[in-house]
Protein backbone atom coordinates (compact mmCIF):
# COMPACT_ATOMS: atom_id res chain seq x y z
CA MET A 1 -37.98 -147.21 -20.43
CA ALA A 2 -35.52 -144.29 -20.71
CA VAL A 3 -35.55 -142.53 -24.04
CA PRO A 4 -33.27 -139.60 -25.04
CA LYS A 5 -35.12 -136.29 -25.27
CA ARG A 6 -33.09 -135.03 -28.23
CA LYS A 7 -30.93 -136.53 -30.94
CA THR A 8 -27.19 -136.41 -30.22
CA SER A 9 -25.54 -134.33 -32.93
CA LYS A 10 -22.77 -135.81 -35.08
CA ALA A 11 -20.24 -133.34 -33.69
CA ARG A 12 -21.06 -134.20 -30.08
CA ARG A 13 -21.01 -137.93 -30.82
CA ASP A 14 -17.69 -137.73 -32.69
CA LYS A 15 -16.07 -135.61 -29.95
CA ARG A 16 -16.84 -138.35 -27.47
CA ARG A 17 -15.48 -141.06 -29.75
CA SER A 18 -12.30 -139.22 -30.70
CA SER A 19 -8.92 -140.39 -29.47
CA VAL A 20 -7.65 -136.89 -28.63
CA TRP A 21 -7.65 -137.62 -24.90
CA LYS A 22 -5.29 -140.59 -25.20
CA LEU A 23 -1.74 -139.88 -24.06
CA ASP A 24 1.36 -140.50 -26.17
CA ALA A 25 4.66 -141.70 -24.82
CA PRO A 26 7.14 -138.80 -24.45
CA SER A 27 9.68 -138.62 -27.25
CA MET A 28 13.16 -139.49 -26.04
CA THR A 29 16.46 -138.87 -27.84
CA LYS A 30 20.03 -139.84 -27.08
CA CYS A 31 22.34 -137.17 -25.72
CA SER A 32 24.96 -136.33 -28.33
CA LYS A 33 27.72 -136.15 -25.69
CA CYS A 34 27.12 -139.02 -23.26
CA GLY A 35 24.50 -141.18 -25.02
CA GLU A 36 22.00 -141.03 -22.14
CA PHE A 37 18.29 -140.97 -23.10
CA VAL A 38 16.85 -137.47 -22.52
CA LEU A 39 13.49 -135.80 -23.16
CA THR A 40 13.68 -133.62 -26.26
CA HIS A 41 14.48 -129.92 -25.77
CA ARG A 42 15.73 -130.51 -22.22
CA VAL A 43 19.15 -130.31 -20.57
CA CYS A 44 20.82 -133.71 -20.13
CA THR A 45 20.83 -134.51 -16.43
CA ALA A 46 23.79 -136.87 -16.76
CA CYS A 47 26.33 -134.52 -18.35
CA GLY A 48 24.57 -131.10 -18.07
CA THR A 49 24.74 -130.20 -21.76
CA TYR A 50 22.14 -128.87 -24.21
CA ARG A 51 22.85 -128.66 -27.93
CA GLY A 52 26.55 -129.30 -27.31
CA LYS A 53 26.99 -126.52 -24.73
CA LEU A 54 27.55 -126.99 -21.00
CA ILE A 55 24.54 -125.49 -19.23
CA ILE A 56 24.72 -126.90 -15.70
CA LYS A 57 27.49 -128.61 -13.77
CA PRO A 58 26.89 -132.35 -13.67
CA LYS A 59 26.31 -133.74 -10.21
CA PRO A 60 29.07 -136.06 -8.99
CA GLU A 61 27.88 -139.64 -8.62
CA LYS A 62 27.60 -140.84 -5.04
CA LYS A 63 29.62 -143.97 -4.37
CA GLU A 64 28.16 -146.30 -1.80
CA ALA A 65 30.74 -147.94 0.48
């Protein structure tokens, strides 16, 4: 029968049991200009603004015929 050679320390045991490795859902906020959901601290891809200032030109939407 297999028996552990040494006692597992409390720190080692608790590190294994911790929930640090579990991922959280990314926090999303609404763009103040267009209302699109955007990752926090990122430029809005829909309207191209960040903190009320135009950073990039928004891409024109492609219309399918």
